[in-house]
Amino acid sequence: MNLENIPCFDNHAHSIDGSQTSITPFEFLKGYQALKDLREPASGDLRDPLFGGFSEDLIKDVQSTGVVYSTICHMARLFKCPATLESVIAERNKYVLEHGIQAYSEMLYKDGNLIGGVLETNNPIGTDVEDKIPDFQVFRLYSFDHSFFKLLEISDSYEELVGKYRNDVKLAFEDTHYTGIKCHLSEVFAHQDARTVYKQEAQAAFASGKALVRDDLKILYLALLTETMLLCRELDVPLHIHSGMTGHSTLLGEPGIAGQITCKKGDMFDGEPYALSLFLATPEFRNTKVVFLHAGYPWLRNISMMAAFYPNVYIDMSCALSWTALTAERTLEELMSYAPFTKIVVGSGQGGIPEKGWMAAKTARIALKNVLSRAVENGYMTEEHAVETAKNILYKNALRLHKNFNV
């Protein structure tokens, strides 16, 4: 079964750093484990998101992971060089210095047959490296969290906050580049905190919430999230929710949103997807499409069951499939165990360097080829079923989710 000619859509990525000329092995590894090179927090606050407890051992640990080894091996085949971190980075830098990061990204995306993707970016439309890649359709997510904190500062009542937010969202979606809204609930509070909050309760909590009294701030946040679920249904756009233990903020309790150091009180279960089940079961939310990013990793079976039983739940595989490189097939099998194959999409979680989007496409095709080939051999599906399933997961499901995406 050859899947190389089937295009791939990257459902979740961040901007490539267009200023790159050359990078060190350490800078390359930062793209895979959010390594931070500050030994002391500049602010004096140990919860400062810039502080990461840097050490030489940490570099060795990150280098010795499946996702890094698999990336090194694929890059070595691409550049026809030894499969060592130093060798592939040297070849990478040579290519970028000669041709530029734009051309390098284009080469990787063409090799990975990537035809579109969704960016989480603050850069103006048309300015990202991805925007300039030929035949690559770029879409964007509207940031719920940044908008919430920004508009809260300049609003004098809950009604004003909601009005400004709804106007801002509707204005954004007049541009066809916008395809969904992104929420970092588990990086600000926790999934288990989610509940519907309506106008009267939010009005009562507004003054103290604006003063950042945590419990009342949470009420305002959940009230606007309730509005967002209804607004997404109205606009027919999906809500993308950060989920699982991916990211230092969810796992370690660091603030996920810049400047909100006092807000987050972390727990490793904050991003558990099933904790949102009662919230999503709210009757008026049933027609709001919800995409769980990062496949809720490591709760793969939970999210597979949710996609099966909730008609509006979809699974994005970013920071799950390629990050579990040595067990990529098992990861895919867990996600496909119960979920409809029409509700799973490829994602990379890419940020800074273009290799991650490229590797997500590579890993997805390899895992799909092996998993689906076994299914055909075992008589669980026909070869036609398998090919159609591969097309659905690699790009057709994205066509259904993102209405402006076309092939």
Protein backbone atom coordinates (compact mmCIF):
# COMPACT_ATOMS: atom_id res chain seq x y z
CA MET A 1 0.00 0.00 0.00
CA ASN A 2 1.65 3.20 -1.19
CA LEU A 3 0.42 6.35 0.58
CA GLU A 4 3.15 8.74 -0.61
CA ASN A 5 0.94 10.30 -3.28
CA ILE A 6 -1.88 11.05 -0.83
CA PRO A 7 -1.61 14.68 0.35
CA CYS A 8 -1.52 15.61 4.04
CA PHE A 9 -3.11 18.46 5.99
CA ASP A 10 -1.52 19.69 9.26
CA ASN A 11 -4.41 20.52 11.58
CA HIS A 12 -2.28 22.15 14.30
CA ALA A 13 0.99 24.06 13.96
CA HIS A 14 2.76 27.24 15.03
CA SER A 15 4.82 29.65 12.98
CA ILE A 16 8.17 28.70 11.49
CA ASP A 17 10.90 31.12 12.61
CA GLY A 18 11.58 33.04 9.41
CA SER A 19 14.70 34.70 10.83
CA GLN A 20 16.69 31.46 10.99
CA THR A 21 20.07 31.32 9.28
CA SER A 22 21.68 28.53 11.27
CA ILE A 23 20.81 26.74 14.50
CA THR A 24 22.77 24.79 17.09
CA PRO A 25 21.88 21.24 18.14
CA PHE A 26 20.56 22.72 21.40
CA GLU A 27 18.28 25.12 19.51
CA PHE A 28 17.04 22.22 17.37
CA LEU A 29 16.24 20.13 20.47
CA LYS A 30 14.34 23.06 22.00
CA GLY A 31 11.75 22.46 19.30
CA TYR A 32 10.98 19.04 20.75
CA GLN A 33 10.96 19.50 24.52
CA ALA A 34 10.59 23.25 25.16
CA LEU A 35 14.12 23.39 26.59
CA LYS A 36 14.89 26.70 28.24
CA ASP A 37 18.42 28.01 28.59
CA LEU A 38 17.94 30.18 31.67
CA ARG A 39 19.56 28.81 34.82
CA GLU A 40 17.87 31.44 36.98
CA PRO A 41 14.43 33.02 36.52
CA ALA A 42 14.88 36.61 35.41
CA SER A 43 11.80 37.69 37.35
CA GLY A 44 12.84 35.94 40.56
CA ASP A 45 9.60 33.93 40.41
CA LEU A 46 10.23 30.20 40.01
CA ARG A 47 6.92 29.97 38.14
CA ASP A 48 8.27 32.30 35.45
CA PRO A 49 7.59 30.52 32.13
CA LEU A 50 11.06 31.57 30.89
CA PHE A 51 12.76 29.52 33.62
CA GLY A 52 13.43 25.89 32.75
CA GLY A 53 16.11 24.45 35.01
CA PHE A 54 18.65 24.14 32.16
CA SER A 55 21.31 21.42 32.41
CA GLU A 56 23.66 19.49 30.13
CA ASP A 57 22.00 16.23 31.24
CA LEU A 58 18.64 17.57 30.06
CA ILE A 59 20.05 18.06 26.57
CA LYS A 60 21.28 14.44 26.51
CA ASP A 61 17.89 13.21 27.73
CA VAL A 62 15.95 15.05 25.03
CA GLN A 63 18.36 13.86 22.33
CA SER A 64 17.74 10.27 23.46
CA THR A 65 14.03 10.22 22.58
CA GLY A 66 12.19 8.40 19.82
CA VAL A 67 10.93 11.55 18.11
CA VAL A 68 14.44 13.02 17.88
CA TYR A 69 16.06 9.77 16.73
CA SER A 70 13.39 9.26 14.07
CA THR A 71 13.77 12.87 12.88
CA ILE A 72 17.55 12.46 12.68
CA CYS A 73 17.16 9.26 10.65
CA HIS A 74 14.73 10.82 8.17
CA MET A 75 16.91 13.92 7.81
CA ALA A 76 19.98 11.73 7.24
CA ARG A 77 18.19 9.96 4.39
CA LEU A 78 17.11 13.30 2.96
CA PHE A 79 20.61 14.81 3.07
CA LYS A 80 22.47 11.51 2.45
CA CYS A 81 24.67 12.06 5.50
CA PRO A 82 25.50 10.14 8.71
CA ALA A 83 22.56 9.73 11.09
CA THR A 84 23.94 11.87 13.92
CA LEU A 85 22.48 15.06 15.34
CA GLU A 86 25.62 17.02 14.53
CA SER A 87 25.73 15.79 10.92
CA VAL A 88 22.11 16.51 10.06
CA ILE A 89 22.21 19.95 11.71
CA ALA A 90 25.37 20.78 9.74
CA GLU A 91 23.68 19.76 6.47
CA ARG A 92 20.51 21.62 7.46
CA ASN A 93 22.46 24.81 8.19
CA LYS A 94 24.38 24.48 4.93
CA TYR A 95 21.12 24.27 2.97
CA VAL A 96 19.50 27.18 4.85
CA LEU A 97 22.57 29.41 4.50
CA GLU A 98 22.67 28.74 0.77
CA HIS A 99 18.96 28.86 -0.04
CA GLY A 100 17.22 30.49 2.97
CA ILE A 101 14.71 29.17 5.52
CA GLN A 102 11.83 29.83 3.12
CA ALA A 103 13.26 27.55 0.42
CA TYR A 104 14.22 24.93 3.01
CA SER A 105 10.67 24.87 4.40
CA GLU A 106 9.23 24.64 0.89
CA MET A 107 11.52 21.70 0.11
CA LEU A 108 10.43 19.82 3.24
CA TYR A 109 6.74 20.52 2.71
CA LYS A 110 6.96 19.35 -0.89
CA ASP A 111 8.78 16.19 0.18
CA GLY A 112 6.09 15.56 2.81
CA ASN A 113 3.31 16.33 0.30
CA LEU A 114 1.82 18.85 2.75
CA ILE A 115 -0.94 20.87 1.09
CA GLY A 116 -2.42 22.89 3.95
CA GLY A 117 -2.48 23.56 7.66
CA VAL A 118 -3.89 25.50 10.58
CA LEU A 119 -1.58 27.96 12.33
CA GLU A 120 -1.74 29.28 15.85
CA THR A 121 0.08 32.57 15.29
CA ASN A 122 0.00 36.24 16.22
CA ASN A 123 1.71 37.31 12.99
CA PRO A 124 -0.27 39.27 10.38
CA ILE A 125 -1.83 37.21 7.60
CA GLY A 126 0.60 36.73 4.74
CA THR A 127 3.78 37.24 6.77
CA ASP A 128 4.54 33.73 8.03
CA VAL A 129 6.91 31.38 6.21
CA GLU A 130 3.98 29.00 5.72
CA ASP A 131 1.94 31.75 4.02
CA LYS A 132 4.54 31.94 1.26
CA ILE A 133 4.86 28.22 0.50
CA PRO A 134 3.38 27.55 -2.97
CA ASP A 135 0.25 25.39 -3.10
CA PHE A 136 0.00 25.33 0.72
CA GLN A 137 -3.28 26.66 2.12
CA VAL A 138 -2.76 28.42 5.46
CA PHE A 139 -5.55 28.92 7.98
CA ARG A 140 -5.54 30.54 11.40
CA LEU A 141 -7.11 30.11 14.81
CA TYR A 142 -8.64 32.95 16.79
CA SER A 143 -7.19 32.90 20.32
CA PHE A 144 -9.94 32.74 22.94
CA ASP A 145 -7.58 33.10 25.92
CA HIS A 146 -5.54 36.07 24.73
CA SER A 147 -8.73 37.83 23.67
CA PHE A 148 -10.37 37.14 27.04
CA PHE A 149 -7.55 38.67 29.10
CA LYS A 150 -7.08 41.58 26.70
CA LEU A 151 -10.77 42.52 26.53
CA LEU A 152 -11.31 42.02 30.27
CA GLU A 153 -8.82 44.81 30.96
CA ILE A 154 -10.74 47.32 28.83
CA SER A 155 -14.32 46.31 29.73
CA ASP A 156 -16.37 47.86 32.52
CA SER A 157 -19.14 45.26 32.65
CA TYR A 158 -19.80 41.68 31.65
CA GLU A 159 -22.19 42.86 28.92
CA GLU A 160 -19.43 45.05 27.47
CA LEU A 161 -16.95 42.15 27.61
CA VAL A 162 -19.31 39.82 25.74
CA GLY A 163 -20.25 42.49 23.20
CA LYS A 164 -16.63 43.32 22.39
CA TYR A 165 -15.72 39.65 22.20
CA ARG A 166 -18.55 38.70 19.85
CA ASN A 167 -17.80 41.67 17.59
CA ASP A 168 -14.08 40.84 17.55
CA VAL A 169 -14.72 37.18 16.69
CA LYS A 170 -17.22 37.96 13.94
CA LEU A 171 -14.87 40.53 12.44
CA ALA A 172 -12.02 37.99 12.41
CA PHE A 173 -14.14 35.38 10.64
CA GLU A 174 -15.02 37.76 7.86
CA ASP A 175 -11.54 36.80 6.65
CA THR A 176 -11.60 33.30 5.16
CA HIS A 177 -8.14 32.58 6.57
CA TYR A 178 -9.75 32.04 9.99
CA THR A 179 -11.11 28.54 10.44
CA GLY A 180 -11.59 27.98 14.19
CA ILE A 181 -11.15 29.25 17.75
CA LYS A 182 -8.41 27.98 20.07
CA CYS A 183 -8.91 27.47 23.81
CA HIS A 184 -6.22 26.71 26.42
CA LEU A 185 -8.56 25.86 29.31
CA SER A 186 -6.17 23.31 30.82
CA GLU A 187 -3.28 25.79 30.68
CA VAL A 188 -5.22 28.49 32.51
CA PHE A 189 -7.51 26.49 34.82
CA ALA A 190 -8.42 22.81 34.29
CA HIS A 191 -10.82 20.67 32.28
CA GLN A 192 -12.50 19.49 35.47
CA ASP A 193 -13.42 23.12 36.19
CA ALA A 194 -15.54 23.38 33.06
CA ARG A 195 -19.26 24.09 33.48
CA THR A 196 -21.81 26.32 31.83
CA VAL A 197 -21.92 29.85 33.27
CA TYR A 198 -24.58 32.30 32.16
CA LYS A 199 -25.17 36.04 32.33
CA GLN A 200 -26.50 36.53 35.88
CA GLU A 201 -23.68 34.63 37.60
CA ALA A 202 -21.06 36.32 35.42
CA GLN A 203 -22.45 39.79 36.16
CA ALA A 204 -22.19 39.15 39.91
CA ALA A 205 -18.57 38.02 39.58
CA PHE A 206 -17.40 40.71 37.17
CA ALA A 207 -15.78 43.27 39.49
CA SER A 208 -13.74 40.79 41.53
CA GLY A 209 -12.99 38.71 38.45
CA LYS A 210 -11.56 41.73 36.69
CA ALA A 211 -9.43 42.29 39.82
CA LEU A 212 -8.07 38.76 39.18
CA VAL A 213 -9.63 37.13 42.24
CA ARG A 214 -9.08 33.60 40.99
CA ASP A 215 -12.47 31.97 41.68
CA ASP A 216 -14.39 34.86 40.17
CA LEU A 217 -11.95 35.16 37.27
CA LYS A 218 -12.73 31.51 36.57
CA ILE A 219 -16.47 32.30 36.48
CA LEU A 220 -15.89 35.02 33.87
CA TYR A 221 -13.61 32.74 31.85
CA LEU A 222 -16.19 29.94 31.83
CA ALA A 223 -18.99 32.36 31.01
CA LEU A 224 -17.11 33.54 27.93
CA LEU A 225 -16.27 29.93 27.06
CA THR A 226 -19.99 29.15 27.22
CA GLU A 227 -20.59 32.06 24.84
CA THR A 228 -17.83 30.72 22.60
CA MET A 229 -19.43 27.28 22.32
CA LEU A 230 -22.65 28.94 21.17
CA LEU A 231 -20.81 31.34 18.86
CA CYS A 232 -18.88 28.49 17.20
CA ARG A 233 -22.19 26.76 16.52
CA GLU A 234 -23.59 29.98 15.08
CA LEU A 235 -20.58 30.55 12.81
CA ASP A 236 -20.16 26.84 12.01
CA VAL A 237 -16.47 26.80 13.00
CA PRO A 238 -14.75 24.30 15.31
CA LEU A 239 -13.38 25.00 18.77
CA HIS A 240 -9.84 23.61 19.09
CA ILE A 241 -9.07 22.63 22.69
CA HIS A 242 -5.56 22.02 24.01
CA SER A 243 -5.71 18.64 25.73
CA GLY A 244 -3.59 15.94 27.31
CA MET A 245 -0.36 16.37 29.24
CA THR A 246 1.45 18.14 26.40
CA GLY A 247 3.10 21.40 27.33
CA HIS A 248 4.88 22.42 30.51
CA SER A 249 1.95 24.58 31.59
CA THR A 250 -0.56 21.73 31.80
CA LEU A 251 1.85 19.16 33.20
CA LEU A 252 3.94 21.28 35.56
CA GLY A 253 1.55 24.10 36.37
CA GLU A 254 3.45 26.83 34.56
CA PRO A 255 1.25 29.59 33.14
CA GLY A 256 0.31 28.86 29.56
CA ILE A 257 -0.81 32.39 28.78
CA ALA A 258 1.81 35.12 29.00
CA GLY A 259 1.53 37.25 32.10
CA GLN A 260 -0.93 35.01 33.94
CA ILE A 261 1.60 33.68 36.46
CA THR A 262 -0.82 33.90 39.39
CA CYS A 263 -3.66 32.13 37.57
CA LYS A 264 -2.48 28.57 37.00
CA LYS A 265 -2.45 25.92 39.74
CA GLY A 266 -1.25 22.87 37.88
CA ASP A 267 -2.16 19.21 38.09
CA MET A 268 -1.15 16.47 35.67
CA PHE A 269 -4.83 15.63 35.11
CA ASP A 270 -5.83 19.19 34.16
CA GLY A 271 -5.89 18.28 30.45
CA GLU A 272 -7.64 14.90 30.73
CA PRO A 273 -10.19 15.02 27.89
CA TYR A 274 -12.96 13.01 29.55
CA ALA A 275 -13.13 15.62 32.32
CA LEU A 276 -14.92 17.80 29.74
CA SER A 277 -17.59 15.19 29.06
CA LEU A 278 -20.37 16.73 31.17
CA PHE A 279 -19.65 20.20 29.80
CA LEU A 280 -19.82 18.92 26.22
CA ALA A 281 -23.03 17.02 26.99
CA THR A 282 -24.85 20.36 27.44
CA PRO A 283 -27.73 20.08 24.92
CA GLU A 284 -27.09 23.44 23.24
CA PHE A 285 -23.45 22.45 22.59
CA ARG A 286 -24.18 19.25 20.67
CA ASN A 287 -23.84 20.89 17.27
CA THR A 288 -20.63 22.73 18.15
CA LYS A 289 -17.65 20.95 16.58
CA VAL A 290 -14.85 20.39 19.11
CA VAL A 291 -11.34 19.29 18.10
CA PHE A 292 -9.23 17.84 20.91
CA LEU A 293 -5.63 18.75 20.10
CA HIS A 294 -2.73 16.41 20.87
CA ALA A 295 -5.15 13.42 20.98
CA GLY A 296 -5.58 13.95 24.70
CA TYR A 297 -2.28 12.08 25.13
CA PRO A 298 -1.78 9.83 27.10
CA TRP A 299 -5.55 9.27 27.44
CA LEU A 300 -5.88 7.87 23.93
CA ARG A 301 -8.68 5.39 24.67
CA ASN A 302 -10.71 8.03 26.48
CA ILE A 303 -10.60 10.39 23.52
CA SER A 304 -11.35 7.54 21.10
CA MET A 305 -14.49 6.69 23.07
CA MET A 306 -15.52 10.36 23.19
CA ALA A 307 -15.19 10.70 19.42
CA ALA A 308 -17.39 7.62 19.07
CA PHE A 309 -20.18 8.75 21.38
CA TYR A 310 -20.12 12.53 20.98
CA PRO A 311 -21.23 13.45 17.44
CA ASN A 312 -19.31 16.74 17.59
CA VAL A 313 -15.92 15.52 18.92
CA TYR A 314 -12.89 15.17 16.62
CA ILE A 315 -9.32 14.03 17.34
CA ASP A 316 -6.17 15.88 16.28
CA MET A 317 -2.96 13.82 16.54
CA SER A 318 -0.43 16.65 16.99
CA CYS A 319 2.24 16.05 19.65
CA ALA A 320 1.01 12.47 19.92
CA LEU A 321 1.74 10.50 16.76
CA SER A 322 5.21 11.77 15.85
CA TRP A 323 6.18 12.27 19.50
CA THR A 324 5.50 8.58 20.21
CA ALA A 325 7.68 7.65 17.25
CA LEU A 326 8.71 4.14 18.34
CA THR A 327 5.11 3.28 19.19
CA ALA A 328 3.41 5.35 16.49
CA GLU A 329 1.45 2.37 15.21
CA ARG A 330 0.17 1.57 18.69
CA THR A 331 -0.81 5.21 19.19
CA LEU A 332 -2.75 5.18 15.93
CA GLU A 333 -4.40 1.85 16.78
CA GLU A 334 -5.54 3.21 20.15
CA LEU A 335 -7.11 6.24 18.46
CA MET A 336 -8.74 4.11 15.79
CA SER A 337 -9.89 1.48 18.30
CA TYR A 338 -13.32 3.06 18.83
CA ALA A 339 -13.38 6.43 17.06
CA PRO A 340 -14.87 6.77 13.58
CA PHE A 341 -12.03 7.01 11.07
CA THR A 342 -13.74 10.11 9.67
CA LYS A 343 -13.07 12.05 12.90
CA ILE A 344 -9.28 11.78 13.14
CA VAL A 345 -6.92 14.38 11.63
CA VAL A 346 -3.14 14.73 11.35
CA GLY A 347 -1.37 17.50 13.25
CA SER A 348 2.22 18.33 14.13
CA GLY A 349 2.21 20.89 16.95
CA GLN A 350 5.04 22.45 14.95
CA GLY A 351 6.71 25.55 16.30
CA GLY A 352 9.84 27.36 15.17
CA ILE A 353 11.33 24.68 12.93
CA PRO A 354 9.71 23.14 9.82
CA GLU A 355 10.96 19.60 10.47
CA LYS A 356 8.07 18.83 12.81
CA GLY A 357 5.34 19.34 10.23
CA TRP A 358 7.36 17.29 7.74
CA MET A 359 7.86 14.49 10.30
CA ALA A 360 4.17 14.46 11.26
CA ALA A 361 3.27 13.73 7.63
CA LYS A 362 6.02 11.10 7.36
CA THR A 363 5.08 9.38 10.62
CA ALA A 364 1.36 9.43 9.84
CA ARG A 365 1.91 7.74 6.47
CA ILE A 366 4.25 5.08 7.89
CA ALA A 367 1.92 4.27 10.79
CA LEU A 368 -1.18 4.25 8.58
CA LYS A 369 0.47 2.02 5.98
CA ASN A 370 1.45 -0.59 8.57
CA VAL A 371 -1.76 -0.48 10.62
CA LEU A 372 -4.07 -0.57 7.60
CA SER A 373 -2.02 -3.26 5.82
CA ARG A 374 -2.39 -5.53 8.87
CA ALA A 375 -6.12 -4.80 8.96
CA VAL A 376 -6.44 -5.89 5.32
CA GLU A 377 -4.31 -9.00 5.89
CA ASN A 378 -6.44 -9.96 8.89
CA GLY A 379 -9.66 -9.47 6.96
CA TYR A 380 -10.86 -6.53 9.08
CA MET A 381 -11.27 -4.27 6.03
CA THR A 382 -10.85 -4.40 2.28
CA GLU A 383 -8.00 -2.68 0.50
CA GLU A 384 -10.53 -0.11 -0.77
CA HIS A 385 -11.59 0.56 2.84
CA ALA A 386 -7.95 0.99 3.84
CA VAL A 387 -7.10 3.46 1.05
CA GLU A 388 -10.21 5.52 1.76
CA THR A 389 -9.40 5.53 5.50
CA ALA A 390 -5.86 6.75 4.77
CA LYS A 391 -7.21 9.55 2.57
CA ASN A 392 -9.73 10.54 5.24
CA ILE A 393 -7.17 10.78 8.03
CA LEU A 394 -4.45 12.43 5.94
CA TYR A 395 -6.60 15.18 4.42
CA LYS A 396 -10.29 14.49 3.67
CA ASN A 397 -11.45 14.83 7.28
CA ALA A 398 -9.83 18.29 7.31
CA LEU A 399 -11.96 19.17 4.28
CA ARG A 400 -15.04 18.47 6.38
CA LEU A 401 -13.77 20.35 9.45
CA HIS A 402 -12.40 23.45 7.76
CA LYS A 403 -15.00 24.65 5.30
CA ASN A 404 -12.65 26.97 3.34
CA PHE A 405 -10.09 24.21 2.73
CA ASN A 406 -10.27 22.89 -0.82
CA VAL A 407 -8.22 20.47 -2.91
